[in-house]
C-alpha atoms as a PDB file:
ATOM      1  CA  UNK A   1     -46.667 -46.855 -18.198  1.00  0.00           C
ATOM      2  CA  UNK A   2     -46.768 -50.235 -16.520  1.00  0.00           C
ATOM      3  CA  UNK A   3     -45.440 -50.868 -13.049  1.00  0.00           C
ATOM      4  CA  UNK A   4     -42.934 -53.434 -11.873  1.00  0.00           C
ATOM      5  CA  UNK A   5     -45.594 -56.045 -11.219  1.00  0.00           C
ATOM      6  CA  UNK A   6     -46.997 -55.799 -14.750  1.00  0.00           C
ATOM      7  CA  UNK A   7     -43.529 -55.936 -16.317  1.00  0.00           C
ATOM      8  CA  UNK A   8     -42.632 -58.964 -14.200  1.00  0.00           C
ATOM      9  CA  UNK A   9     -45.818 -60.811 -15.136  1.00  0.00           C
ATOM     10  CA  UNK A  10     -45.411 -59.945 -18.804  1.00  0.00           C
ATOM     11  CA  UNK A  11     -41.795 -61.161 -18.868  1.00  0.00           C
ATOM     12  CA  UNK A  12     -42.797 -64.412 -17.147  1.00  0.00           C
ATOM     13  CA  UNK A  13     -45.691 -65.026 -19.521  1.00  0.00           C
ATOM     14  CA  UNK A  14     -43.580 -64.166 -22.572  1.00  0.00           C
ATOM     15  CA  UNK A  15     -41.398 -67.158 -21.684  1.00  0.00           C
ATOM     16  CA  UNK A  16     -44.403 -69.379 -21.014  1.00  0.00           C
ATOM     17  CA  UNK A  17     -43.511 -69.800 -17.347  1.00  0.00           C
ATOM     18  CA  UNK A  18     -46.093 -70.327 -14.651  1.00  0.00           C
ATOM     19  CA  UNK A  19     -45.711 -68.584 -11.307  1.00  0.00           C
ATOM     20  CA  UNK A  20     -44.761 -71.955  -9.873  1.00  0.00           C
ATOM     21  CA  UNK A  21     -42.055 -72.545 -12.517  1.00  0.00           C
ATOM     22  CA  UNK A  22     -40.566 -69.083 -11.925  1.00  0.00           C
ATOM     23  CA  UNK A  23     -40.649 -69.686  -8.180  1.00  0.00           C
ATOM     24  CA  UNK A  24     -38.739 -72.947  -8.628  1.00  0.00           C
ATOM     25  CA  UNK A  25     -36.096 -71.221 -10.774  1.00  0.00           C
ATOM     26  CA  UNK A  26     -35.629 -68.562  -8.082  1.00  0.00           C
ATOM     27  CA  UNK A  27     -35.899 -70.942  -5.115  1.00  0.00           C
ATOM     28  CA  UNK A  28     -38.835 -69.012  -3.639  1.00  0.00           C
ATOM     29  CA  UNK A  29     -42.482 -69.918  -3.104  1.00  0.00           C
ATOM     30  CA  UNK A  30     -45.257 -69.497  -5.655  1.00  0.00           C
ATOM     31  CA  UNK A  31     -46.915 -67.244  -3.075  1.00  0.00           C
ATOM     32  CA  UNK A  32     -43.906 -64.910  -3.258  1.00  0.00           C
ATOM     33  CA  UNK A  33     -44.154 -64.618  -7.049  1.00  0.00           C
ATOM     34  CA  UNK A  34     -47.893 -64.031  -6.749  1.00  0.00           C
ATOM     35  CA  UNK A  35     -47.315 -61.289  -4.156  1.00  0.00           C
ATOM     36  CA  UNK A  36     -44.788 -59.582  -6.458  1.00  0.00           C
ATOM     37  CA  UNK A  37     -47.172 -59.692  -9.408  1.00  0.00           C
ATOM     38  CA  UNK A  38     -50.037 -58.357  -7.310  1.00  0.00           C
ATOM     39  CA  UNK A  39     -47.981 -55.507  -5.869  1.00  0.00           C
ATOM     40  CA  UNK A  40     -48.171 -56.725  -2.266  1.00  0.00           C
ATOM     41  CA  UNK A  41     -44.406 -57.289  -2.031  1.00  0.00           C
ATOM     42  CA  UNK A  42     -41.220 -56.726  -4.009  1.00  0.00           C
ATOM     43  CA  UNK A  43     -38.436 -59.283  -4.533  1.00  0.00           C
ATOM     44  CA  UNK A  44     -35.348 -58.855  -2.414  1.00  0.00           C
ATOM     45  CA  UNK A  45     -32.344 -57.067  -3.872  1.00  0.00           C
ATOM     46  CA  UNK A  46     -30.341 -60.302  -3.992  1.00  0.00           C
ATOM     47  CA  UNK A  47     -32.919 -61.915  -6.295  1.00  0.00           C
ATOM     48  CA  UNK A  48     -32.696 -59.244  -8.987  1.00  0.00           C
ATOM     49  CA  UNK A  49     -29.650 -60.649 -10.830  1.00  0.00           C
ATOM     50  CA  UNK A  50     -31.252 -64.092 -10.987  1.00  0.00           C
ATOM     51  CA  UNK A  51     -34.574 -62.581 -12.132  1.00  0.00           C
ATOM     52  CA  UNK A  52     -32.691 -60.856 -14.943  1.00  0.00           C
ATOM     53  CA  UNK A  53     -31.134 -64.119 -16.086  1.00  0.00           C
ATOM     54  CA  UNK A  54     -34.233 -66.308 -15.736  1.00  0.00           C
ATOM     55  CA  UNK A  55     -36.540 -63.797 -17.439  1.00  0.00           C
ATOM     56  CA  UNK A  56     -33.930 -62.716 -20.022  1.00  0.00           C
ATOM     57  CA  UNK A  57     -34.707 -59.042 -19.443  1.00  0.00           C
ATOM     58  CA  UNK A  58     -32.561 -56.091 -18.411  1.00  0.00           C
ATOM     59  CA  UNK A  59     -32.945 -54.792 -14.879  1.00  0.00           C
ATOM     60  CA  UNK A  60     -33.457 -51.317 -16.351  1.00  0.00           C
ATOM     61  CA  UNK A  61     -36.510 -52.563 -18.174  1.00  0.00           C
ATOM     62  CA  UNK A  62     -37.804 -54.782 -15.373  1.00  0.00           C
ATOM     63  CA  UNK A  63     -37.407 -52.257 -12.563  1.00  0.00           C
ATOM     64  CA  UNK A  64     -37.712 -48.894 -14.290  1.00  0.00           C
ATOM     65  CA  UNK A  65     -39.538 -49.732 -17.483  1.00  0.00           C
ATOM     66  CA  UNK A  66     -36.638 -48.506 -19.622  1.00  0.00           C
ATOM     67  CA  UNK A  67     -35.574 -50.394 -22.706  1.00  0.00           C
ATOM     68  CA  UNK A  68     -31.856 -51.064 -22.698  1.00  0.00           C
ATOM     69  CA  UNK A  69     -31.517 -49.211 -26.014  1.00  0.00           C
ATOM     70  CA  UNK A  70     -33.136 -46.010 -24.778  1.00  0.00           C
ATOM     71  CA  UNK A  71     -31.164 -43.337 -23.059  1.00  0.00           C
ATOM     72  CA  UNK A  72     -32.183 -41.737 -19.792  1.00  0.00           C
ATOM     73  CA  UNK A  73     -33.507 -38.192 -20.130  1.00  0.00           C
ATOM     74  CA  UNK A  74     -30.990 -35.451 -19.429  1.00  0.00           C
ATOM     75  CA  UNK A  75     -31.252 -33.930 -15.970  1.00  0.00           C
END
């Protein structure tokens, strides 16, 4: 299973965005995007909705690695 940083990088690359282009879309620095993708930092909670829109990916998939069509396991 891939972690958040791998899912983020994969989603960005799938759209053909550079770290700099994603940073511009989110109004953050390229260094911030790099830190997220290298696991040194995580994006702030307030950025998650914009990440979802820009990357065209569900937050379930981006954060938890769950496809939107899959159900959570029963507890």
